């Protein structure tokens, strides 16, 4: 892997953080919120989108593993007060829901 790719991976990793749904609502309203399935690596998806890796992104889209957040998603996340891992792969904000703890 190239040094530039490793630097971008480190940058994306450093910029990844946990956010509550209310902190993401404005991005949903702008239409730039993209949900990433829990079995994908959020940083790998951000890298692919940053590098415009059309084949990988189209494959994930076709499998339903990556998709724009829907109104139904937003309603559910608001009701559940969901939390997410989030990272920006401009112009997109990629999110991955953090599974609720059963013992909480």
PDB file of N, CA and C in Angstrom:
ATOM      1  N   UNK A   1       0.848  -1.174   0.000  1.00  0.00           N
ATOM      2  CA  UNK A   1       0.000   0.000   0.000  1.00  0.00           C
ATOM      3  C   UNK A   1       0.898   1.242   0.000  1.00  0.00           C
ATOM      4  N   UNK A   2       0.504   2.237  -0.748  1.00  0.00           N
ATOM      5  CA  UNK A   2       1.336   3.429  -0.892  1.00  0.00           C
ATOM      6  C   UNK A   2       1.365   4.254   0.394  1.00  0.00           C
ATOM      7  N   UNK A   3       2.412   5.052   0.508  1.00  0.00           N
ATOM      8  CA  UNK A   3       2.545   5.913   1.679  1.00  0.00           C
ATOM      9  C   UNK A   3       1.401   6.924   1.742  1.00  0.00           C
ATOM     10  N   UNK A   4       0.998   7.461   0.589  1.00  0.00           N
ATOM     11  CA  UNK A   4      -0.116   8.425   0.552  1.00  0.00           C
ATOM     12  C   UNK A   4      -1.405   7.776   1.038  1.00  0.00           C
ATOM     13  N   UNK A   5      -1.617   6.525   0.655  1.00  0.00           N
ATOM     14  CA  UNK A   5      -2.812   5.802   1.090  1.00  0.00           C
ATOM     15  C   UNK A   5      -2.782   5.567   2.601  1.00  0.00           C
ATOM     16  N   UNK A   6      -1.615   5.204   3.108  1.00  0.00           N
ATOM     17  CA  UNK A   6      -1.472   4.988   4.552  1.00  0.00           C
ATOM     18  C   UNK A   6      -1.698   6.290   5.328  1.00  0.00           C
ATOM     19  N   UNK A   7      -1.200   7.405   4.788  1.00  0.00           N
ATOM     20  CA  UNK A   7      -1.414   8.702   5.441  1.00  0.00           C
ATOM     21  C   UNK A   7      -2.893   9.073   5.457  1.00  0.00           C
ATOM     22  N   UNK A   8      -3.594   8.820   4.345  1.00  0.00           N
ATOM     23  CA  UNK A   8      -5.026   9.105   4.299  1.00  0.00           C
ATOM     24  C   UNK A   8      -5.782   8.211   5.271  1.00  0.00           C
ATOM     25  N   UNK A   9      -5.403   6.934   5.342  1.00  0.00           N
ATOM     26  CA  UNK A   9      -6.045   6.009   6.292  1.00  0.00           C
ATOM     27  C   UNK A   9      -5.858   6.514   7.727  1.00  0.00           C
ATOM     28  N   UNK A  10      -4.656   6.937   8.056  1.00  0.00           N
ATOM     29  CA  UNK A  10      -4.384   7.452   9.407  1.00  0.00           C
ATOM     30  C   UNK A  10      -5.182   8.725   9.681  1.00  0.00           C
ATOM     31  N   UNK A  11      -5.274   9.598   8.685  1.00  0.00           N
ATOM     32  CA  UNK A  11      -6.037  10.842   8.823  1.00  0.00           C
ATOM     33  C   UNK A  11      -7.518  10.544   9.060  1.00  0.00           C
ATOM     34  N   UNK A  12      -8.088   9.653   8.243  1.00  0.00           N
ATOM     35  CA  UNK A  12      -9.500   9.289   8.404  1.00  0.00           C
ATOM     36  C   UNK A  12      -9.744   8.639   9.764  1.00  0.00           C
ATOM     37  N   UNK A  13      -8.838   7.771  10.168  1.00  0.00           N
ATOM     38  CA  UNK A  13      -8.976   7.110  11.457  1.00  0.00           C
ATOM     39  C   UNK A  13      -8.952   8.126  12.596  1.00  0.00           C
ATOM     40  N   UNK A  14      -8.065   9.104  12.504  1.00  0.00           N
ATOM     41  CA  UNK A  14      -7.961  10.129  13.543  1.00  0.00           C
ATOM     42  C   UNK A  14      -9.193  11.034  13.583  1.00  0.00           C
ATOM     43  N   UNK A  15      -9.864  11.181  12.438  1.00  0.00           N
ATOM     44  CA  UNK A  15     -11.028  12.054  12.354  1.00  0.00           C
ATOM     45  C   UNK A  15     -12.346  11.332  12.614  1.00  0.00           C
ATOM     46  N   UNK A  16     -12.279  10.044  12.890  1.00  0.00           N
ATOM     47  CA  UNK A  16     -13.473   9.254  13.177  1.00  0.00           C
ATOM     48  C   UNK A  16     -13.853   9.456  14.648  1.00  0.00           C
ATOM     49  N   UNK A  17     -15.141   9.631  14.873  1.00  0.00           N
ATOM     50  CA  UNK A  17     -15.589   9.818  16.251  1.00  0.00           C
ATOM     51  C   UNK A  17     -17.004   9.326  16.449  1.00  0.00           C
ATOM     52  N   UNK A  18     -17.399   9.258  17.707  1.00  0.00           N
ATOM     53  CA  UNK A  18     -18.753   8.857  18.057  1.00  0.00           C
ATOM     54  C   UNK A  18     -19.634  10.092  18.151  1.00  0.00           C
ATOM     55  N   UNK A  19     -20.812  10.002  17.549  1.00  0.00           N
ATOM     56  CA  UNK A  19     -21.768  11.098  17.576  1.00  0.00           C
ATOM     57  C   UNK A  19     -23.164  10.557  17.850  1.00  0.00           C
ATOM     58  N   UNK A  20     -23.967  11.375  18.508  1.00  0.00           N
ATOM     59  CA  UNK A  20     -25.373  11.053  18.715  1.00  0.00           C
ATOM     60  C   UNK A  20     -26.161  11.485  17.490  1.00  0.00           C
ATOM     61  N   UNK A  21     -27.345  10.902  17.313  1.00  0.00           N
ATOM     62  CA  UNK A  21     -28.162  11.222  16.154  1.00  0.00           C
ATOM     63  C   UNK A  21     -28.423  12.726  16.034  1.00  0.00           C
ATOM     64  N   UNK A  22     -28.696  13.395  17.154  1.00  0.00           N
ATOM     65  CA  UNK A  22     -29.016  14.827  17.080  1.00  0.00           C
ATOM     66  C   UNK A  22     -27.855  15.649  16.518  1.00  0.00           C
ATOM     67  N   UNK A  23     -26.638  15.131  16.586  1.00  0.00           N
ATOM     68  CA  UNK A  23     -25.484  15.817  16.019  1.00  0.00           C
ATOM     69  C   UNK A  23     -25.345  15.548  14.512  1.00  0.00           C
ATOM     70  N   UNK A  24     -26.097  14.587  14.010  1.00  0.00           N
ATOM     71  CA  UNK A  24     -26.012  14.207  12.600  1.00  0.00           C
ATOM     72  C   UNK A  24     -27.223  14.657  11.790  1.00  0.00           C
ATOM     73  N   UNK A  25     -28.272  15.106  12.463  1.00  0.00           N
ATOM     74  CA  UNK A  25     -29.517  15.459  11.771  1.00  0.00           C
ATOM     75  C   UNK A  25     -29.318  16.514  10.684  1.00  0.00           C
ATOM     76  N   UNK A  26     -28.467  17.489  10.925  1.00  0.00           N
ATOM     77  CA  UNK A  26     -28.264  18.536   9.909  1.00  0.00           C
ATOM     78  C   UNK A  26     -27.625  17.977   8.646  1.00  0.00           C
ATOM     79  N   UNK A  27     -26.782  16.959   8.792  1.00  0.00           N
ATOM     80  CA  UNK A  27     -26.173  16.325   7.617  1.00  0.00           C
ATOM     81  C   UNK A  27     -27.228  15.516   6.852  1.00  0.00           C
ATOM     82  N   UNK A  28     -28.133  14.884   7.596  1.00  0.00           N
ATOM     83  CA  UNK A  28     -29.245  14.184   6.956  1.00  0.00           C
ATOM     84  C   UNK A  28     -30.091  15.179   6.157  1.00  0.00           C
ATOM     85  N   UNK A  29     -30.378  16.320   6.758  1.00  0.00           N
ATOM     86  CA  UNK A  29     -31.190  17.344   6.094  1.00  0.00           C
ATOM     87  C   UNK A  29     -30.517  17.845   4.813  1.00  0.00           C
ATOM     88  N   UNK A  30     -29.194  17.867   4.787  1.00  0.00           N
ATOM     89  CA  UNK A  30     -28.447  18.302   3.596  1.00  0.00           C
ATOM     90  C   UNK A  30     -28.357  17.202   2.537  1.00  0.00           C
ATOM     91  N   UNK A  31     -28.741  15.966   2.901  1.00  0.00           N
ATOM     92  CA  UNK A  31     -28.708  14.857   1.949  1.00  0.00           C
ATOM     93  C   UNK A  31     -27.349  14.230   1.763  1.00  0.00           C
ATOM     94  N   UNK A  32     -26.452  14.405   2.735  1.00  0.00           N
ATOM     95  CA  UNK A  32     -25.084  13.890   2.580  1.00  0.00           C
ATOM     96  C   UNK A  32     -24.742  12.769   3.563  1.00  0.00           C
ATOM     97  N   UNK A  33     -25.746  12.252   4.254  1.00  0.00           N
ATOM     98  CA  UNK A  33     -25.509  11.213   5.247  1.00  0.00           C
ATOM     99  C   UNK A  33     -25.613   9.837   4.594  1.00  0.00           C
ATOM    100  N   UNK A  34     -24.563   9.042   4.739  1.00  0.00           N
ATOM    101  CA  UNK A  34     -24.492   7.713   4.135  1.00  0.00           C
ATOM    102  C   UNK A  34     -24.291   6.695   5.244  1.00  0.00           C
ATOM    103  N   UNK A  35     -25.193   5.708   5.294  1.00  0.00           N
ATOM    104  CA  UNK A  35     -25.059   4.657   6.312  1.00  0.00           C
ATOM    105  C   UNK A  35     -24.234   3.500   5.759  1.00  0.00           C
ATOM    106  N   UNK A  36     -23.418   2.945   6.642  1.00  0.00           N
ATOM    107  CA  UNK A  36     -22.517   1.854   6.294  1.00  0.00           C
ATOM    108  C   UNK A  36     -22.862   0.669   7.193  1.00  0.00           C
ATOM    109  N   UNK A  37     -23.062  -0.490   6.596  1.00  0.00           N
ATOM    110  CA  UNK A  37     -23.401  -1.692   7.352  1.00  0.00           C
ATOM    111  C   UNK A  37     -22.325  -2.014   8.378  1.00  0.00           C
ATOM    112  N   UNK A  38     -22.752  -2.590   9.481  1.00  0.00           N
ATOM    113  CA  UNK A  38     -21.846  -2.906  10.585  1.00  0.00           C
ATOM    114  C   UNK A  38     -20.768  -3.912  10.256  1.00  0.00           C
ATOM    115  N   UNK A  39     -20.983  -4.733   9.220  1.00  0.00           N
ATOM    116  CA  UNK A  39     -19.960  -5.724   8.899  1.00  0.00           C
ATOM    117  C   UNK A  39     -18.893  -5.202   7.939  1.00  0.00           C
ATOM    118  N   UNK A  40     -18.993  -3.921   7.551  1.00  0.00           N
ATOM    119  CA  UNK A  40     -17.946  -3.289   6.752  1.00  0.00           C
ATOM    120  C   UNK A  40     -17.052  -2.446   7.656  1.00  0.00           C
ATOM    121  N   UNK A  41     -15.825  -2.252   7.225  1.00  0.00           N
ATOM    122  CA  UNK A  41     -14.891  -1.375   7.929  1.00  0.00           C
ATOM    123  C   UNK A  41     -15.169   0.054   7.469  1.00  0.00           C
ATOM    124  N   UNK A  42     -15.593   0.899   8.389  1.00  0.00           N
ATOM    125  CA  UNK A  42     -15.967   2.277   8.069  1.00  0.00           C
ATOM    126  C   UNK A  42     -14.826   3.029   7.383  1.00  0.00           C
ATOM    127  N   UNK A  43     -13.607   2.812   7.847  1.00  0.00           N
ATOM    128  CA  UNK A  43     -12.445   3.492   7.262  1.00  0.00           C
ATOM    129  C   UNK A  43     -12.188   2.999   5.840  1.00  0.00           C
ATOM    130  N   UNK A  44     -12.354   1.712   5.592  1.00  0.00           N
ATOM    131  CA  UNK A  44     -12.171   1.175   4.237  1.00  0.00           C
ATOM    132  C   UNK A  44     -13.184   1.791   3.272  1.00  0.00           C
ATOM    133  N   UNK A  45     -14.421   1.963   3.727  1.00  0.00           N
ATOM    134  CA  UNK A  45     -15.442   2.574   2.878  1.00  0.00           C
ATOM    135  C   UNK A  45     -15.079   4.037   2.616  1.00  0.00           C
ATOM    136  N   UNK A  46     -14.645   4.745   3.654  1.00  0.00           N
ATOM    137  CA  UNK A  46     -14.238   6.143   3.482  1.00  0.00           C
ATOM    138  C   UNK A  46     -13.061   6.253   2.512  1.00  0.00           C
ATOM    139  N   UNK A  47     -12.100   5.340   2.612  1.00  0.00           N
ATOM    140  CA  UNK A  47     -10.965   5.321   1.685  1.00  0.00           C
ATOM    141  C   UNK A  47     -11.435   5.107   0.249  1.00  0.00           C
ATOM    142  N   UNK A  48     -12.307   4.133   0.067  1.00  0.00           N
ATOM    143  CA  UNK A  48     -12.807   3.840  -1.275  1.00  0.00           C
ATOM    144  C   UNK A  48     -13.538   5.046  -1.858  1.00  0.00           C
ATOM    145  N   UNK A  49     -14.329   5.715  -1.042  1.00  0.00           N
ATOM    146  CA  UNK A  49     -15.059   6.882  -1.527  1.00  0.00           C
ATOM    147  C   UNK A  49     -14.103   8.048  -1.790  1.00  0.00           C
ATOM    148  N   UNK A  50     -13.104   8.208  -0.953  1.00  0.00           N
ATOM    149  CA  UNK A  50     -12.122   9.276  -1.139  1.00  0.00           C
ATOM    150  C   UNK A  50     -11.314   9.082  -2.416  1.00  0.00           C
ATOM    151  N   UNK A  51     -11.049   7.822  -2.759  1.00  0.00           N
ATOM    152  CA  UNK A  51     -10.280   7.495  -3.955  1.00  0.00           C
ATOM    153  C   UNK A  51     -11.171   7.276  -5.177  1.00  0.00           C
ATOM    154  N   UNK A  52     -12.473   7.528  -5.006  1.00  0.00           N
ATOM    155  CA  UNK A  52     -13.437   7.350  -6.093  1.00  0.00           C
ATOM    156  C   UNK A  52     -13.341   5.943  -6.687  1.00  0.00           C
ATOM    157  N   UNK A  53     -13.284   4.949  -5.799  1.00  0.00           N
ATOM    158  CA  UNK A  53     -13.227   3.546  -6.208  1.00  0.00           C
ATOM    159  C   UNK A  53     -14.646   3.094  -6.560  1.00  0.00           C
ATOM    160  N   UNK A  54     -15.016   3.384  -7.785  1.00  0.00           N
ATOM    161  CA  UNK A  54     -16.383   3.165  -8.253  1.00  0.00           C
ATOM    162  C   UNK A  54     -16.807   1.703  -8.132  1.00  0.00           C
ATOM    163  N   UNK A  55     -15.923   0.774  -8.469  1.00  0.00           N
ATOM    164  CA  UNK A  55     -16.264  -0.652  -8.432  1.00  0.00           C
ATOM    165  C   UNK A  55     -16.647  -1.093  -7.025  1.00  0.00           C
ATOM    166  N   UNK A  56     -15.846  -0.721  -6.038  1.00  0.00           N
ATOM    167  CA  UNK A  56     -16.129  -1.120  -4.655  1.00  0.00           C
ATOM    168  C   UNK A  56     -17.421  -0.479  -4.160  1.00  0.00           C
ATOM    169  N   UNK A  57     -17.574   0.822  -4.407  1.00  0.00           N
ATOM    170  CA  UNK A  57     -18.759   1.526  -3.917  1.00  0.00           C
ATOM    171  C   UNK A  57     -20.019   0.989  -4.582  1.00  0.00           C
ATOM    172  N   UNK A  58     -19.975   0.780  -5.892  1.00  0.00           N
ATOM    173  CA  UNK A  58     -21.149   0.237  -6.589  1.00  0.00           C
ATOM    174  C   UNK A  58     -21.507  -1.152  -6.089  1.00  0.00           C
ATOM    175  N   UNK A  59     -20.512  -1.953  -5.768  1.00  0.00           N
ATOM    176  CA  UNK A  59     -20.756  -3.292  -5.234  1.00  0.00           C
ATOM    177  C   UNK A  59     -21.459  -3.212  -3.877  1.00  0.00           C
ATOM    178  N   UNK A  60     -20.960  -2.336  -3.003  1.00  0.00           N
ATOM    179  CA  UNK A  60     -21.595  -2.175  -1.691  1.00  0.00           C
ATOM    180  C   UNK A  60     -23.009  -1.631  -1.821  1.00  0.00           C
ATOM    181  N   UNK A  61     -23.203  -0.689  -2.732  1.00  0.00           N
ATOM    182  CA  UNK A  61     -24.544  -0.145  -2.969  1.00  0.00           C
ATOM    183  C   UNK A  61     -25.491  -1.240  -3.438  1.00  0.00           C
ATOM    184  N   UNK A  62     -25.049  -2.051  -4.388  1.00  0.00           N
ATOM    185  CA  UNK A  62     -25.876  -3.126  -4.939  1.00  0.00           C
ATOM    186  C   UNK A  62     -26.250  -4.153  -3.877  1.00  0.00           C
ATOM    187  N   UNK A  63     -25.343  -4.380  -2.923  1.00  0.00           N
ATOM    188  CA  UNK A  63     -25.591  -5.346  -1.852  1.00  0.00           C
ATOM    189  C   UNK A  63     -26.365  -4.742  -0.687  1.00  0.00           C
ATOM    190  N   UNK A  64     -26.610  -3.437  -0.739  1.00  0.00           N
ATOM    191  CA  UNK A  64     -27.316  -2.770   0.353  1.00  0.00           C
ATOM    192  C   UNK A  64     -26.448  -2.541   1.575  1.00  0.00           C
ATOM    193  N   UNK A  65     -25.128  -2.631   1.416  1.00  0.00           N
ATOM    194  CA  UNK A  65     -24.214  -2.452   2.542  1.00  0.00           C
ATOM    195  C   UNK A  65     -23.874  -0.981   2.773  1.00  0.00           C
ATOM    196  N   UNK A  66     -24.062  -0.169   1.751  1.00  0.00           N
ATOM    197  CA  UNK A  66     -23.850   1.274   1.814  1.00  0.00           C
ATOM    198  C   UNK A  66     -25.062   1.908   1.146  1.00  0.00           C
ATOM    199  N   UNK A  67     -25.651   2.922   1.796  1.00  0.00           N
ATOM    200  CA  UNK A  67     -26.831   3.582   1.224  1.00  0.00           C
ATOM    201  C   UNK A  67     -27.004   4.950   1.870  1.00  0.00           C
ATOM    202  N   UNK A  68     -27.643   5.841   1.134  1.00  0.00           N
ATOM    203  CA  UNK A  68     -28.016   7.125   1.731  1.00  0.00           C
ATOM    204  C   UNK A  68     -29.035   6.863   2.822  1.00  0.00           C
ATOM    205  N   UNK A  69     -28.917   7.587   3.903  1.00  0.00           N
ATOM    206  CA  UNK A  69     -29.874   7.452   4.995  1.00  0.00           C
ATOM    207  C   UNK A  69     -31.252   7.888   4.504  1.00  0.00           C
ATOM    208  N   UNK A  70     -32.264   7.121   4.869  1.00  0.00           N
ATOM    209  CA  UNK A  70     -33.633   7.414   4.454  1.00  0.00           C
ATOM    210  C   UNK A  70     -34.396   8.122   5.575  1.00  0.00           C
ATOM    211  N   UNK A  71     -35.556   8.629   5.226  1.00  0.00           N
ATOM    212  CA  UNK A  71     -36.420   9.252   6.231  1.00  0.00           C
ATOM    213  C   UNK A  71     -36.812   8.233   7.295  1.00  0.00           C
ATOM    214  N   UNK A  72     -37.095   7.004   6.890  1.00  0.00           N
ATOM    215  CA  UNK A  72     -37.425   5.960   7.860  1.00  0.00           C
ATOM    216  C   UNK A  72     -36.269   5.700   8.817  1.00  0.00           C
ATOM    217  N   UNK A  73     -35.035   5.706   8.279  1.00  0.00           N
ATOM    218  CA  UNK A  73     -33.853   5.561   9.136  1.00  0.00           C
ATOM    219  C   UNK A  73     -33.820   6.685  10.166  1.00  0.00           C
ATOM    220  N   UNK A  74     -34.000   7.916   9.693  1.00  0.00           N
ATOM    221  CA  UNK A  74     -33.922   9.088  10.570  1.00  0.00           C
ATOM    222  C   UNK A  74     -34.963   9.020  11.674  1.00  0.00           C
ATOM    223  N   UNK A  75     -36.167   8.605  11.336  1.00  0.00           N
ATOM    224  CA  UNK A  75     -37.239   8.499  12.337  1.00  0.00           C
ATOM    225  C   UNK A  75     -36.864   7.468  13.396  1.00  0.00           C
ATOM    226  N   UNK A  76     -36.361   6.318  12.948  1.00  0.00           N
ATOM    227  CA  UNK A  76     -35.974   5.259  13.893  1.00  0.00           C
ATOM    228  C   UNK A  76     -34.810   5.697  14.769  1.00  0.00           C
ATOM    229  N   UNK A  77     -33.802   6.321  14.169  1.00  0.00           N
ATOM    230  CA  UNK A  77     -32.631   6.758  14.934  1.00  0.00           C
ATOM    231  C   UNK A  77     -33.019   7.821  15.960  1.00  0.00           C
ATOM    232  N   UNK A  78     -33.932   8.701  15.583  1.00  0.00           N
ATOM    233  CA  UNK A  78     -34.397   9.732  16.523  1.00  0.00           C
ATOM    234  C   UNK A  78     -35.127   9.073  17.702  1.00  0.00           C
ATOM    235  N   UNK A  79     -36.008   8.145  17.402  1.00  0.00           N
ATOM    236  CA  UNK A  79     -36.782   7.475  18.453  1.00  0.00           C
ATOM    237  C   UNK A  79     -35.885   6.663  19.387  1.00  0.00           C
ATOM    238  N   UNK A  80     -34.849   6.047  18.830  1.00  0.00           N
ATOM    239  CA  UNK A  80     -33.951   5.185  19.615  1.00  0.00           C
ATOM    240  C   UNK A  80     -32.792   5.945  20.244  1.00  0.00           C
ATOM    241  N   UNK A  81     -32.669   7.231  19.907  1.00  0.00           N
ATOM    242  CA  UNK A  81     -31.530   8.031  20.369  1.00  0.00           C
ATOM    243  C   UNK A  81     -30.213   7.306  20.056  1.00  0.00           C
ATOM    244  N   UNK A  82     -30.106   6.896  18.797  1.00  0.00           N
ATOM    245  CA  UNK A  82     -28.955   6.100  18.348  1.00  0.00           C
ATOM    246  C   UNK A  82     -27.653   6.884  18.396  1.00  0.00           C
ATOM    247  N   UNK A  83     -26.558   6.120  18.509  1.00  0.00           N
ATOM    248  CA  UNK A  83     -25.200   6.671  18.454  1.00  0.00           C
ATOM    249  C   UNK A  83     -24.468   5.996  17.304  1.00  0.00           C
ATOM    250  N   UNK A  84     -23.490   6.715  16.762  1.00  0.00           N
ATOM    251  CA  UNK A  84     -22.813   6.275  15.556  1.00  0.00           C
ATOM    252  C   UNK A  84     -21.328   6.550  15.612  1.00  0.00           C
ATOM    253  N   UNK A  85     -20.580   5.742  14.850  1.00  0.00           N
ATOM    254  CA  UNK A  85     -19.237   6.107  14.452  1.00  0.00           C
ATOM    255  C   UNK A  85     -19.425   6.917  13.187  1.00  0.00           C
ATOM    256  N   UNK A  86     -18.704   8.015  13.053  1.00  0.00           N
ATOM    257  CA  UNK A  86     -18.853   8.880  11.879  1.00  0.00           C
ATOM    258  C   UNK A  86     -17.495   9.356  11.394  1.00  0.00           C
ATOM    259  N   UNK A  87     -17.404   9.528  10.071  1.00  0.00           N
ATOM    260  CA  UNK A  87     -16.204  10.070   9.443  1.00  0.00           C
ATOM    261  C   UNK A  87     -16.637  10.782   8.167  1.00  0.00           C
ATOM    262  N   UNK A  88     -15.924  11.819   7.816  1.00  0.00           N
ATOM    263  CA  UNK A  88     -16.228  12.574   6.602  1.00  0.00           C
ATOM    264  C   UNK A  88     -15.339  12.096   5.468  1.00  0.00           C
ATOM    265  N   UNK A  89     -15.982  11.754   4.347  1.00  0.00           N
ATOM    266  CA  UNK A  89     -15.301  11.504   3.072  1.00  0.00           C
ATOM    267  C   UNK A  89     -15.993  12.468   2.109  1.00  0.00           C
ATOM    268  N   UNK A  90     -15.539  13.713   2.157  1.00  0.00           N
ATOM    269  CA  UNK A  90     -16.222  14.834   1.500  1.00  0.00           C
ATOM    270  C   UNK A  90     -16.662  14.473   0.089  1.00  0.00           C
ATOM    271  N   UNK A  91     -17.882  14.789  -0.254  1.00  0.00           N
ATOM    272  CA  UNK A  91     -18.833  15.606   0.499  1.00  0.00           C
ATOM    273  C   UNK A  91     -19.723  14.801   1.447  1.00  0.00           C
ATOM    274  N   UNK A  92     -19.451  13.522   1.586  1.00  0.00           N
ATOM    275  CA  UNK A  92     -20.306  12.630   2.363  1.00  0.00           C
ATOM    276  C   UNK A  92     -19.896  12.535   3.821  1.00  0.00           C
ATOM    277  N   UNK A  93     -20.879  12.306   4.681  1.00  0.00           N
ATOM    278  CA  UNK A  93     -20.650  11.968   6.082  1.00  0.00           C
ATOM    279  C   UNK A  93     -21.080  10.511   6.222  1.00  0.00           C
ATOM    280  N   UNK A  94     -20.108   9.650   6.484  1.00  0.00           N
ATOM    281  CA  UNK A  94     -20.374   8.214   6.599  1.00  0.00           C
ATOM    282  C   UNK A  94     -20.635   7.872   8.049  1.00  0.00           C
ATOM    283  N   UNK A  95     -21.671   7.080   8.281  1.00  0.00           N
ATOM    284  CA  UNK A  95     -22.014   6.696   9.653  1.00  0.00           C
ATOM    285  C   UNK A  95     -22.215   5.192   9.753  1.00  0.00           C
ATOM    286  N   UNK A  96     -21.920   4.693  10.922  1.00  0.00           N
ATOM    287  CA  UNK A  96     -22.133   3.287  11.228  1.00  0.00           C
ATOM    288  C   UNK A  96     -22.729   3.230  12.627  1.00  0.00           C
ATOM    289  N   UNK A  97     -23.934   2.696  12.718  1.00  0.00           N
ATOM    290  CA  UNK A  97     -24.627   2.674  13.997  1.00  0.00           C
ATOM    291  C   UNK A  97     -23.871   1.793  14.990  1.00  0.00           C
ATOM    292  N   UNK A  98     -23.798   2.284  16.216  1.00  0.00           N
ATOM    293  CA  UNK A  98     -23.186   1.522  17.300  1.00  0.00           C
ATOM    294  C   UNK A  98     -24.290   0.684  17.919  1.00  0.00           C
ATOM    295  N   UNK A  99     -24.083  -0.618  17.952  1.00  0.00           N
ATOM    296  CA  UNK A  99     -25.105  -1.522  18.484  1.00  0.00           C
ATOM    297  C   UNK A  99     -25.394  -1.189  19.939  1.00  0.00           C
ATOM    298  N   UNK A 100     -26.672  -1.186  20.263  1.00  0.00           N
ATOM    299  CA  UNK A 100     -27.091  -0.925  21.646  1.00  0.00           C
ATOM    300  C   UNK A 100     -26.647  -2.080  22.522  1.00  0.00           C
ATOM    301  N   UNK A 101     -26.188  -1.738  23.719  1.00  0.00           N
ATOM    302  CA  UNK A 101     -25.763  -2.761  24.661  1.00  0.00           C
ATOM    303  C   UNK A 101     -26.998  -3.384  25.299  1.00  0.00           C
ATOM    304  N   UNK A 102     -26.999  -4.694  25.391  1.00  0.00           N
ATOM    305  CA  UNK A 102     -28.133  -5.392  25.961  1.00  0.00           C
ATOM    306  C   UNK A 102     -28.211  -5.192  27.473  1.00  0.00           C
ATOM    307  N   UNK A 103     -27.064  -4.945  28.127  1.00  0.00           N
ATOM    308  CA  UNK A 103     -27.055  -4.807  29.574  1.00  0.00           C
ATOM    309  C   UNK A 103     -27.200  -3.357  30.012  1.00  0.00           C
ATOM    310  N   UNK A 104     -27.404  -2.448  29.083  1.00  0.00           N
ATOM    311  CA  UNK A 104     -27.517  -1.018  29.418  1.00  0.00           C
ATOM    312  C   UNK A 104     -28.890  -0.685  29.930  1.00  0.00           C
TER     313      UNK A 104
END
